[in-house]
Amino acid sequence: MICQSFKGSLSSMLPLVLACLWGLLLQADAQDRASLWRGNDQSGRCQYTFTVPSPVESTCPQPGNLEMEGLKARLGLLEVLVSQLTGGDNRGPQVAGARAESQLREALNRAVGERNLLQGEKQRLERELLGLQRRMDEMRKETEKLKRRPCPPQTPMVPPSPTLQISGQMRPAGGSSQMSHLMNRPKGQGDSSSLKDSTWEFGAPGFQELKAEVTEVPAPDHSEDNTGCGELLSVGEPVTHRKADNIAGKYGVWMQDPEAVSTYGPNMIWRIDTIGTEVRQLFGYEDMEQLSKGFPSKVLLLPELMESTGATLYRGCLYYQRRRSRTIIRYDLASENIAARRDLPHAGFHGQYPYSWGGYTDIDLSVDEQGLWAVYSTSKAKGAIVISKLDPNTLEVRRSWETNIRKSSVANSFIICGKLYTVSSYAATNAAINYMYDTATSQGKAMSIPFKNKYNYNSMIDYSLAQRKLFAWDNFHIVSYDIRLGRQQAN
């Protein structure tokens, strides 16, 4: 161990020195290793130093060496920390700094890449949002269109063979015929809701409707004058009598017998709705007032399915075209049976030569002052209108006229006093009667008589000899037109 040095004068230190010497002398094993020094200190004073070797330490480090060891220890700790921070790289601060910078750049690149991905995803979502908004707008417009269209009511179907009570007895409707049934309208007060028009059957579209724009072809212009029954001079404004209840009544035909038999009165009005796969119901109304109210007094089921809007009434019989054929049927209203049938020679049918609006209107039957007529076309006529005068009993063709009017270029036609008149458009509000063909002279000429399609889809126009008006069916609406004829010219 190291002995402490004692400073002071020789007189004060002498007892202590003697004591130390005495101790050293007692320890014989250490006498040869103890030493005593005397010298001046930094201030010039005399100083004695006594040293004894350490029994356990070979050397005694100086104070300066201790500080260096501490610094080395602290530097070692710092090196360990730096190594941990730099991932064990012991190549120095520059290498560690370069590695940290590389890691920072890598992290920045990852952040930039993720930002670019997020921006791309944002742009994609914005495009999808715009597409969804456009689809929503289209669906909203389509919904508005569907709301404006009439929807068929969900009501029970008409029973095929109902019964009715006549003079207190129950029997099948229609008397001897199993294809019809009678509905008696109550007289006087009472609930008449059960006599509302029965449900109009409709299923898969059994009709033809041409949606394309129709090009109106001007009819040939001839300068010959007309003779015979008075020529049509003008057509009045349409008068609406009734609107159909559902889609089955978009197209149809209504008529009045100009020479009614005794079974039904002269004021009886008949109606057929022509949309559906099985068009066979014939509704009868006592007069125009009951037609407007929708109270039929007679409902007949035709024995053969009907096609198109070309039916007509004459002398107690319904004349109509059988479905998907060129056969003309004469159906007797009194006996409720088919009285005659005959094919119209070479006539097109089921969409071969219809009017411009479609509807399978290949054969159009009508009645005027001269009798029963058929308007149609054949392959020989190459689509031009053929007019035939028919025998009302046998349905034989008495005489035919082949015109130069292309049937598909006109919307409809009607016959008054043996003269065929054509209508330019079925959809234009302000259409025109644009051509007339006179069977008496076999000549025709262009015309321009204003004609209004009030509801923009006129599917049936016929001359009613009973009322001397035009009857029409315009987009669910039953309408009529007053007409003015000129005086009959002398031959």
Protein backbone atom coordinates (compact mmCIF):
# COMPACT_ATOMS: atom_id res chain seq x y z
CA MET A 1 0.00 0.00 0.00
CA ILE A 2 1.04 3.58 -0.33
CA CYS A 3 1.93 5.49 2.84
CA GLN A 4 0.75 9.03 3.25
CA SER A 5 3.40 11.75 3.14
CA PHE A 6 3.71 14.13 6.02
CA LYS A 7 4.68 17.75 5.57
CA GLY A 8 5.99 20.14 8.22
CA SER A 9 9.15 21.05 10.04
CA LEU A 10 11.78 18.51 11.09
CA SER A 11 10.95 18.93 14.76
CA SER A 12 7.21 18.17 14.18
CA MET A 13 7.86 15.21 11.94
CA LEU A 14 10.59 13.50 14.00
CA PRO A 15 8.30 11.53 16.35
CA LEU A 16 6.33 10.23 13.43
CA VAL A 17 9.41 9.25 11.48
CA LEU A 18 10.79 7.41 14.49
CA ALA A 19 7.49 5.54 14.88
CA CYS A 20 7.49 4.51 11.22
CA LEU A 21 11.08 3.39 11.40
CA TRP A 22 10.30 1.38 14.46
CA GLY A 23 7.40 -0.35 12.65
CA LEU A 24 9.56 -1.09 9.67
CA LEU A 25 12.24 -2.56 11.80
CA LEU A 26 9.65 -4.89 13.28
CA GLN A 27 8.73 -6.21 9.87
CA ALA A 28 12.00 -7.81 8.85
CA ASP A 29 10.50 -9.15 5.63
CA ALA A 30 9.93 -5.62 4.34
CA GLN A 31 13.08 -3.87 5.55
CA ASP A 32 14.91 -4.46 2.31
CA ARG A 33 12.07 -2.99 0.23
CA ALA A 34 11.13 0.23 2.21
CA SER A 35 12.63 3.59 1.16
CA LEU A 36 12.64 7.21 2.36
CA TRP A 37 13.11 10.27 0.16
CA ARG A 38 13.70 13.87 1.00
CA GLY A 39 13.36 16.77 -1.38
CA ASN A 40 11.95 20.21 -1.91
CA ASP A 41 8.41 20.57 -3.22
CA GLN A 42 7.32 23.10 -5.83
CA SER A 43 7.27 25.91 -3.24
CA GLY A 44 10.87 25.19 -2.06
CA ARG A 45 9.97 23.58 1.24
CA CYS A 46 11.63 20.39 2.40
CA GLN A 47 9.47 17.26 2.04
CA TYR A 48 10.12 13.68 3.20
CA THR A 49 8.44 10.81 1.27
CA PHE A 50 8.25 7.29 2.65
CA THR A 51 7.18 4.43 0.29
CA VAL A 52 6.44 0.76 0.82
CA PRO A 53 5.67 -1.65 -2.17
CA SER A 54 2.11 -2.90 -2.49
CA PRO A 55 1.77 -6.53 -1.53
CA VAL A 56 -0.89 -7.13 -4.33
CA GLU A 57 -0.13 -4.62 -7.11
CA SER A 58 2.95 -4.81 -9.27
CA THR A 59 2.53 -1.20 -10.47
CA CYS A 60 0.67 1.79 -9.16
CA PRO A 61 -1.02 3.75 -11.98
CA GLN A 62 -0.69 7.51 -12.02
CA PRO A 63 -3.74 9.80 -11.79
CA GLY A 64 -3.35 10.74 -15.46
CA ASN A 65 -3.52 7.11 -16.47
CA LEU A 66 -6.82 6.71 -14.59
CA GLU A 67 -8.41 9.53 -16.54
CA MET A 68 -7.26 7.97 -19.78
CA GLU A 69 -8.75 4.64 -18.80
CA GLY A 70 -12.08 6.34 -18.04
CA LEU A 71 -12.01 8.10 -21.38
CA LYS A 72 -11.25 4.82 -23.11
CA ALA A 73 -14.16 3.14 -21.31
CA ARG A 74 -16.55 5.92 -22.32
CA LEU A 75 -15.30 5.79 -25.92
CA GLY A 76 -15.87 2.03 -25.90
CA LEU A 77 -19.46 2.56 -24.78
CA LEU A 78 -19.99 5.17 -27.51
CA GLU A 79 -18.56 2.78 -30.12
CA VAL A 80 -21.01 0.08 -28.95
CA LEU A 81 -23.94 2.53 -29.23
CA VAL A 82 -22.84 3.71 -32.70
CA SER A 83 -22.46 0.09 -33.80
CA GLN A 84 -25.99 -0.69 -32.62
CA LEU A 85 -27.38 2.37 -34.38
CA THR A 86 -25.60 1.56 -37.66
CA GLY A 87 -26.48 -2.14 -37.63
CA GLY A 88 -23.16 -3.42 -36.45
CA ASP A 89 -21.08 -1.55 -39.01
CA ASN A 90 -17.80 -0.70 -37.33
CA ARG A 91 -16.29 1.09 -40.24
CA GLY A 92 -16.61 4.53 -38.74
CA PRO A 93 -18.90 7.55 -38.69
CA GLN A 94 -18.68 8.23 -42.43
CA VAL A 95 -19.84 4.75 -43.36
CA ALA A 96 -22.64 4.95 -40.78
CA GLY A 97 -23.76 8.34 -42.11
CA ALA A 98 -23.75 7.09 -45.69
CA ARG A 99 -25.84 4.07 -44.67
CA ALA A 100 -28.34 6.29 -42.82
CA GLU A 101 -28.64 8.56 -45.86
CA SER A 102 -29.25 5.54 -48.08
CA GLN A 103 -31.96 4.31 -45.75
CA LEU A 104 -33.58 7.74 -45.71
CA ARG A 105 -33.57 7.87 -49.52
CA GLU A 106 -35.10 4.42 -49.70
CA ALA A 107 -37.84 5.42 -47.26
CA LEU A 108 -38.50 8.60 -49.30
CA ASN A 109 -38.75 6.60 -52.51
CA ARG A 110 -41.23 4.22 -50.88
CA ALA A 111 -43.31 7.15 -49.64
CA VAL A 112 -43.32 8.76 -53.13
CA GLY A 113 -44.33 5.45 -54.73
CA GLU A 114 -47.18 4.98 -52.27
CA ARG A 115 -48.32 8.55 -52.90
CA ASN A 116 -48.37 7.92 -56.66
CA LEU A 117 -50.36 4.72 -56.14
CA LEU A 118 -52.86 6.58 -53.98
CA GLN A 119 -53.21 9.33 -56.58
CA GLY A 120 -53.85 6.72 -59.31
CA GLU A 121 -56.44 4.99 -57.15
CA LYS A 122 -58.09 8.33 -56.47
CA GLN A 123 -58.31 9.10 -60.19
CA ARG A 124 -59.79 5.65 -60.90
CA LEU A 125 -62.41 6.11 -58.19
CA GLU A 126 -63.27 9.55 -59.58
CA ARG A 127 -63.79 8.04 -63.04
CA GLU A 128 -66.01 5.31 -61.60
CA LEU A 129 -67.97 7.95 -59.73
CA LEU A 130 -68.56 9.91 -62.92
CA GLY A 131 -69.69 6.73 -64.68
CA LEU A 132 -72.09 5.91 -61.86
CA GLN A 133 -73.48 9.44 -61.96
CA ARG A 134 -74.11 9.14 -65.70
CA ARG A 135 -75.83 5.79 -65.21
CA MET A 136 -77.96 7.30 -62.45
CA ASP A 137 -79.01 10.10 -64.79
CA GLU A 138 -79.90 7.62 -67.52
CA MET A 139 -81.87 5.47 -65.10
CA ARG A 140 -83.66 8.56 -63.79
CA LYS A 141 -84.66 9.54 -67.33
CA GLU A 142 -85.79 6.01 -68.11
CA THR A 143 -87.83 5.96 -64.90
CA GLU A 144 -89.54 9.20 -65.89
CA LYS A 145 -90.39 7.68 -69.30
CA LEU A 146 -91.81 4.56 -67.67
CA LYS A 147 -93.87 6.70 -65.28
CA ARG A 148 -95.43 8.50 -68.23
CA ARG A 149 -96.37 5.23 -69.94
CA PRO A 150 -99.67 3.57 -68.98
CA CYS A 151 -99.42 0.30 -67.07
CA PRO A 152 -101.89 -2.57 -67.40
CA PRO A 153 -104.02 -3.13 -64.30
CA GLN A 154 -103.67 -6.48 -62.57
CA THR A 155 -107.29 -7.68 -62.75
CA PRO A 156 -108.80 -11.13 -63.25
CA MET A 157 -109.02 -12.56 -66.76
CA VAL A 158 -112.37 -12.83 -68.56
CA PRO A 159 -113.83 -16.29 -68.02
CA PRO A 160 -114.17 -18.22 -71.26
CA SER A 161 -117.73 -19.38 -70.72
CA PRO A 162 -119.68 -17.17 -68.31
CA THR A 163 -123.39 -17.46 -67.66
CA LEU A 164 -126.07 -14.84 -67.54
CA GLN A 165 -129.68 -14.70 -66.51
CA ILE A 166 -132.37 -14.06 -69.13
CA SER A 167 -136.04 -14.08 -68.10
CA GLY A 168 -135.12 -15.69 -64.78
CA GLN A 169 -133.24 -18.67 -66.30
CA MET A 170 -129.53 -19.42 -66.29
CA ARG A 171 -127.92 -20.59 -69.56
CA PRO A 172 -124.52 -20.44 -71.26
CA ALA A 173 -123.74 -17.08 -72.76
CA GLY A 174 -124.44 -16.58 -76.46
CA GLY A 175 -127.47 -18.87 -76.85
CA SER A 176 -126.70 -21.57 -79.34
CA SER A 177 -123.11 -20.45 -79.81
CA GLN A 178 -120.49 -21.50 -77.28
CA MET A 179 -118.11 -18.76 -78.47
CA SER A 180 -119.91 -15.72 -77.10
CA HIS A 181 -121.60 -14.39 -74.02
CA LEU A 182 -124.15 -11.68 -73.37
CA MET A 183 -123.99 -8.96 -70.78
CA ASN A 184 -127.26 -7.18 -69.96
CA ARG A 185 -126.93 -3.61 -68.77
CA PRO A 186 -129.32 -2.91 -65.86
CA LYS A 187 -132.15 -0.50 -66.47
CA GLY A 188 -132.54 2.36 -64.06
CA GLN A 189 -130.56 2.83 -60.88
CA GLY A 190 -128.21 0.31 -59.37
CA ASP A 191 -124.65 -0.81 -59.23
CA SER A 192 -123.32 -1.15 -62.79
CA SER A 193 -119.65 -1.59 -61.91
CA SER A 194 -119.79 -5.25 -62.94
CA LEU A 195 -120.63 -4.17 -66.49
CA LYS A 196 -117.41 -2.23 -66.97
CA ASP A 197 -115.33 -3.42 -69.90
CA SER A 198 -113.85 -6.81 -69.11
CA THR A 199 -110.12 -7.21 -68.88
CA TRP A 200 -108.42 -7.10 -72.25
CA GLU A 201 -106.16 -10.10 -72.60
CA PHE A 202 -102.63 -9.51 -73.62
CA GLY A 203 -99.48 -11.56 -73.39
CA ALA A 204 -96.54 -11.91 -75.71
CA PRO A 205 -96.74 -9.11 -78.28
CA GLY A 206 -99.10 -10.34 -80.98
CA PHE A 207 -98.92 -7.21 -83.06
CA GLN A 208 -96.61 -5.47 -85.44
CA GLU A 209 -95.36 -1.95 -84.80
CA LEU A 210 -92.90 -0.21 -87.09
CA LYS A 211 -90.80 2.25 -85.11
CA ALA A 212 -88.56 3.49 -87.91
CA GLU A 213 -89.11 6.89 -89.41
CA VAL A 214 -91.43 6.62 -92.40
CA THR A 215 -90.42 8.36 -95.60
CA GLU A 216 -93.50 9.83 -97.16
CA VAL A 217 -93.45 9.25 -100.92
CA PRO A 218 -95.44 11.83 -102.90
CA ALA A 219 -98.24 10.20 -104.84
CA PRO A 220 -98.34 10.77 -108.60
CA ASP A 221 -99.94 14.02 -109.69
CA HIS A 222 -102.66 13.79 -112.33
CA SER A 223 -104.61 16.66 -113.74
CA GLU A 224 -107.86 14.83 -114.60
CA ASP A 225 -111.06 16.11 -113.01
CA ASN A 226 -113.17 13.79 -110.88
CA THR A 227 -116.74 12.90 -111.46
CA GLY A 228 -119.29 10.96 -109.47
CA CYS A 229 -120.18 11.16 -105.75
CA GLY A 230 -119.04 14.35 -104.04
CA GLU A 231 -115.33 14.71 -103.51
CA LEU A 232 -113.90 15.19 -100.01
CA LEU A 233 -113.30 18.88 -99.36
CA SER A 234 -112.25 19.08 -95.70
CA VAL A 235 -111.85 17.15 -92.45
CA GLY A 236 -112.76 18.70 -89.09
CA GLU A 237 -111.00 18.62 -85.73
CA PRO A 238 -110.86 15.24 -83.93
CA VAL A 239 -113.49 14.64 -81.24
CA THR A 240 -112.46 12.23 -78.46
CA HIS A 241 -115.12 9.79 -77.23
CA ARG A 242 -113.14 7.53 -74.94
CA LYS A 243 -109.64 6.51 -73.83
CA ALA A 244 -108.68 2.85 -73.40
CA ASP A 245 -107.80 1.56 -69.95
CA ASN A 246 -104.58 -0.38 -70.65
CA ILE A 247 -102.02 -1.43 -73.25
CA ALA A 248 -104.45 -3.73 -75.07
CA GLY A 249 -106.31 -0.65 -76.24
CA LYS A 250 -103.39 1.16 -77.85
CA TYR A 251 -104.60 -0.09 -81.26
CA GLY A 252 -108.11 -1.07 -82.22
CA VAL A 253 -111.10 -0.62 -84.48
CA TRP A 254 -114.58 0.74 -83.77
CA MET A 255 -117.54 0.81 -86.17
CA GLN A 256 -121.27 1.16 -86.69
CA ASP A 257 -123.44 -0.85 -89.07
CA PRO A 258 -124.98 1.48 -91.71
CA GLU A 259 -127.67 -1.15 -92.45
CA ALA A 260 -128.23 -2.77 -89.05
CA VAL A 261 -130.59 -5.73 -88.79
CA SER A 262 -133.45 -5.94 -86.32
CA THR A 263 -131.45 -7.93 -83.74
CA TYR A 264 -129.50 -4.81 -82.81
CA GLY A 265 -130.61 -1.22 -83.06
CA PRO A 266 -129.21 1.26 -85.58
CA ASN A 267 -127.32 3.11 -82.82
CA MET A 268 -125.29 0.08 -81.74
CA ILE A 269 -121.52 0.78 -81.60
CA TRP A 270 -118.96 -2.03 -81.75
CA ARG A 271 -115.33 -2.10 -80.63
CA ILE A 272 -112.39 -4.53 -80.92
CA ASP A 273 -109.01 -4.13 -79.25
CA THR A 274 -106.34 -5.52 -81.58
CA ILE A 275 -103.26 -5.96 -79.36
CA GLY A 276 -102.69 -9.47 -78.09
CA THR A 277 -102.01 -12.99 -79.26
CA GLU A 278 -105.74 -13.83 -79.31
CA VAL A 279 -107.84 -10.98 -80.65
CA ARG A 280 -111.42 -12.27 -80.57
CA GLN A 281 -113.53 -10.12 -78.21
CA LEU A 282 -116.20 -7.94 -79.83
CA PHE A 283 -117.77 -5.40 -77.48
CA GLY A 284 -121.18 -3.90 -78.28
CA TYR A 285 -122.59 -0.64 -76.86
CA GLU A 286 -126.16 0.60 -77.19
CA ASP A 287 -125.08 4.05 -78.28
CA MET A 288 -122.22 6.56 -78.23
CA GLU A 289 -123.00 7.60 -74.66
CA GLN A 290 -122.57 4.06 -73.34
CA LEU A 291 -119.34 3.73 -75.34
CA SER A 292 -118.00 6.85 -73.64
CA LYS A 293 -118.95 5.47 -70.23
CA GLY A 294 -117.50 2.02 -70.96
CA PHE A 295 -120.69 -0.02 -70.40
CA PRO A 296 -121.02 -2.74 -73.07
CA SER A 297 -124.39 -4.46 -73.40
CA LYS A 298 -123.02 -7.30 -75.54
CA VAL A 299 -119.72 -9.13 -75.66
CA LEU A 300 -119.11 -11.74 -78.37
CA LEU A 301 -116.20 -14.15 -78.75
CA LEU A 302 -115.27 -14.59 -82.39
CA PRO A 303 -114.85 -18.23 -83.50
CA GLU A 304 -111.70 -17.40 -85.51
CA LEU A 305 -108.85 -15.17 -84.30
CA MET A 306 -108.69 -11.74 -85.88
CA GLU A 307 -105.71 -9.76 -87.20
CA SER A 308 -105.13 -6.04 -87.90
CA THR A 309 -107.46 -3.05 -87.57
CA GLY A 310 -109.19 -3.57 -90.93
CA ALA A 311 -112.56 -4.97 -89.77
CA THR A 312 -115.92 -3.46 -90.73
CA LEU A 313 -119.70 -3.97 -90.21
CA TYR A 314 -122.34 -4.29 -92.93
CA ARG A 315 -125.90 -5.61 -92.94
CA GLY A 316 -125.69 -7.34 -89.58
CA CYS A 317 -122.33 -9.01 -90.21
CA LEU A 318 -118.77 -8.43 -89.12
CA TYR A 319 -116.16 -8.73 -91.88
CA TYR A 320 -112.59 -9.31 -90.75
CA GLN A 321 -109.25 -10.96 -91.69
CA ARG A 322 -108.43 -14.27 -90.01
CA ARG A 323 -105.12 -14.28 -88.15
CA ARG A 324 -101.99 -15.13 -90.18
CA SER A 325 -103.91 -15.72 -93.40
CA ARG A 326 -105.48 -13.95 -96.40
CA THR A 327 -108.89 -15.42 -95.47
CA ILE A 328 -111.83 -13.02 -95.16
CA ILE A 329 -114.55 -14.08 -92.69
CA ARG A 330 -118.17 -12.97 -92.63
CA TYR A 331 -119.47 -13.38 -89.08
CA ASP A 332 -123.23 -13.11 -88.53
CA LEU A 333 -123.98 -11.16 -85.34
CA ALA A 334 -127.52 -12.52 -84.95
CA SER A 335 -126.74 -16.24 -85.18
CA GLU A 336 -123.19 -15.76 -83.82
CA ASN A 337 -121.80 -18.08 -86.47
CA ILE A 338 -119.54 -17.80 -89.48
CA ALA A 339 -121.74 -17.18 -92.53
CA ALA A 340 -118.98 -17.23 -95.18
CA ARG A 341 -115.24 -17.36 -95.66
CA ARG A 342 -112.98 -16.93 -98.66
CA ASP A 343 -109.34 -16.26 -99.44
CA LEU A 344 -108.60 -12.89 -101.03
CA PRO A 345 -106.65 -13.95 -104.16
CA HIS A 346 -102.88 -13.34 -103.94
CA ALA A 347 -103.27 -10.84 -101.07
CA GLY A 348 -100.28 -10.26 -98.83
CA PHE A 349 -100.80 -10.91 -95.12
CA HIS A 350 -99.11 -10.78 -91.71
CA GLY A 351 -96.73 -7.93 -92.41
CA GLN A 352 -96.05 -8.38 -96.14
CA TYR A 353 -97.74 -5.17 -97.33
CA PRO A 354 -98.92 -3.17 -94.30
CA TYR A 355 -99.47 0.55 -93.96
CA SER A 356 -96.45 2.55 -92.83
CA TRP A 357 -97.30 2.26 -89.11
CA GLY A 358 -97.37 -1.57 -89.20
CA GLY A 359 -99.95 -3.48 -87.18
CA TYR A 360 -100.21 -6.29 -89.79
CA THR A 361 -102.58 -4.02 -91.72
CA ASP A 362 -102.15 -5.93 -94.98
CA ILE A 363 -105.91 -6.20 -95.65
CA ASP A 364 -108.19 -3.25 -94.89
CA LEU A 365 -111.94 -3.76 -95.26
CA SER A 366 -114.42 -0.88 -95.48
CA VAL A 367 -117.99 0.00 -96.44
CA ASP A 368 -119.34 3.05 -98.26
CA GLU A 369 -122.35 4.04 -100.33
CA GLN A 370 -121.42 1.47 -102.99
CA GLY A 371 -120.88 -1.55 -100.75
CA LEU A 372 -118.01 -3.67 -99.37
CA TRP A 373 -114.37 -2.98 -100.31
CA ALA A 374 -110.95 -4.50 -99.66
CA VAL A 375 -107.68 -2.52 -99.81
CA TYR A 376 -104.51 -4.65 -99.98
CA SER A 377 -101.52 -5.49 -102.19
CA THR A 378 -100.03 -8.47 -104.01
CA SER A 379 -96.63 -9.63 -105.22
CA LYS A 380 -97.80 -8.98 -108.78
CA ALA A 381 -98.61 -5.37 -107.88
CA LYS A 382 -95.15 -5.10 -106.23
CA GLY A 383 -96.51 -3.42 -103.11
CA ALA A 384 -98.88 -0.99 -104.85
CA ILE A 385 -102.40 -0.59 -103.46
CA VAL A 386 -105.03 -2.88 -105.00
CA ILE A 387 -108.72 -2.01 -104.51
CA SER A 388 -111.30 -4.79 -104.86
CA LYS A 389 -115.07 -4.63 -104.75
CA LEU A 390 -116.40 -7.67 -102.85
CA ASP A 391 -119.72 -9.46 -102.87
CA PRO A 392 -121.00 -8.99 -99.29
CA ASN A 393 -122.61 -12.44 -99.23
CA THR A 394 -120.08 -14.72 -100.93
CA LEU A 395 -116.95 -12.53 -100.50
CA GLU A 396 -116.05 -13.05 -104.16
CA VAL A 397 -114.09 -10.33 -105.92
CA ARG A 398 -116.35 -8.53 -108.39
CA ARG A 399 -113.75 -6.13 -109.77
CA SER A 400 -110.25 -4.89 -108.91
CA TRP A 401 -108.21 -1.73 -109.52
CA GLU A 402 -104.45 -1.63 -109.32
CA THR A 403 -103.18 1.82 -108.39
CA ASN A 404 -99.69 3.31 -108.53
CA ILE A 405 -99.71 4.19 -104.79
CA ARG A 406 -97.15 2.24 -102.80
CA LYS A 407 -99.04 0.93 -99.77
CA SER A 408 -96.14 1.18 -97.34
CA SER A 409 -95.73 4.89 -98.18
CA VAL A 410 -99.06 5.92 -96.66
CA ALA A 411 -100.20 5.74 -93.03
CA ASN A 412 -103.80 4.66 -93.73
CA SER A 413 -106.65 4.95 -96.21
CA PHE A 414 -110.45 5.05 -96.38
CA ILE A 415 -113.10 4.92 -99.12
CA ILE A 416 -115.97 7.37 -99.60
CA CYS A 417 -118.31 7.09 -102.59
CA GLY A 418 -115.96 4.74 -104.40
CA LYS A 419 -112.97 7.05 -103.97
CA LEU A 420 -109.87 5.95 -102.07
CA TYR A 421 -108.17 8.62 -99.93
CA THR A 422 -104.71 8.16 -98.38
CA VAL A 423 -103.29 9.79 -95.22
CA SER A 424 -99.66 10.96 -95.27
CA SER A 425 -98.59 10.21 -91.67
CA TYR A 426 -99.86 8.33 -88.63
CA ALA A 427 -97.70 10.25 -86.11
CA ALA A 428 -97.35 13.84 -87.33
CA THR A 429 -99.78 16.15 -85.55
CA ASN A 430 -100.44 18.11 -88.73
CA ALA A 431 -100.69 15.43 -91.39
CA ALA A 432 -102.61 15.58 -94.67
CA ILE A 433 -104.86 13.58 -96.94
CA ASN A 434 -102.45 13.59 -99.84
CA TYR A 435 -103.98 11.44 -102.61
CA MET A 436 -107.32 10.35 -104.05
CA TYR A 437 -108.06 7.50 -106.46
CA ASP A 438 -111.48 7.34 -108.12
CA THR A 439 -112.62 3.83 -109.05
CA ALA A 440 -115.29 5.30 -111.34
CA THR A 441 -112.66 6.79 -113.66
CA SER A 442 -109.62 4.66 -112.65
CA GLN A 443 -107.76 7.92 -112.20
CA GLY A 444 -106.08 9.56 -109.23
CA LYS A 445 -104.68 12.89 -108.21
CA ALA A 446 -102.63 14.50 -105.47
CA MET A 447 -104.42 16.39 -102.71
CA SER A 448 -103.55 18.41 -99.63
CA ILE A 449 -106.39 18.33 -97.12
CA PRO A 450 -105.24 18.98 -93.52
CA PHE A 451 -105.68 16.03 -91.16
CA LYS A 452 -104.74 16.10 -87.46
CA ASN A 453 -103.37 13.15 -85.47
CA LYS A 454 -104.20 14.56 -82.07
CA TYR A 455 -102.50 11.78 -80.06
CA ASN A 456 -99.66 11.05 -82.52
CA TYR A 457 -100.24 7.36 -83.32
CA ASN A 458 -103.27 6.79 -85.54
CA SER A 459 -103.72 3.08 -86.23
CA MET A 460 -107.21 3.01 -87.79
CA ILE A 461 -109.11 5.43 -90.04
CA ASP A 462 -112.41 4.38 -91.67
CA TYR A 463 -115.42 6.08 -93.20
CA SER A 464 -118.61 5.53 -91.19
CA LEU A 465 -121.53 5.52 -93.61
CA ALA A 466 -123.93 5.38 -90.64
CA GLN A 467 -122.80 8.78 -89.31
CA ARG A 468 -121.05 10.13 -92.43
CA LYS A 469 -117.93 10.79 -90.40
CA LEU A 470 -114.46 9.40 -90.15
CA PHE A 471 -113.87 6.99 -87.27
CA ALA A 472 -110.27 6.66 -85.98
CA TRP A 473 -108.27 5.00 -83.20
CA ASP A 474 -105.43 7.30 -82.16
CA ASN A 475 -103.03 5.99 -79.51
CA PHE A 476 -105.52 4.60 -76.91
CA HIS A 477 -108.18 7.15 -77.94
CA ILE A 478 -111.42 6.58 -79.88
CA VAL A 479 -112.00 9.72 -81.98
CA SER A 480 -114.18 10.88 -84.86
CA TYR A 481 -113.90 13.61 -87.53
CA ASP A 482 -116.60 15.59 -89.27
CA ILE A 483 -116.15 15.73 -93.04
CA ARG A 484 -117.41 17.93 -95.84
CA LEU A 485 -118.10 16.55 -99.30
CA GLY A 486 -118.63 18.44 -102.51
CA ARG A 487 -121.70 18.17 -104.66
CA GLN A 488 -122.01 15.21 -106.97
CA GLN A 489 -121.06 16.27 -110.47
CA ALA A 490 -123.26 15.35 -113.39
CA ASN A 491 -121.92 12.88 -115.92
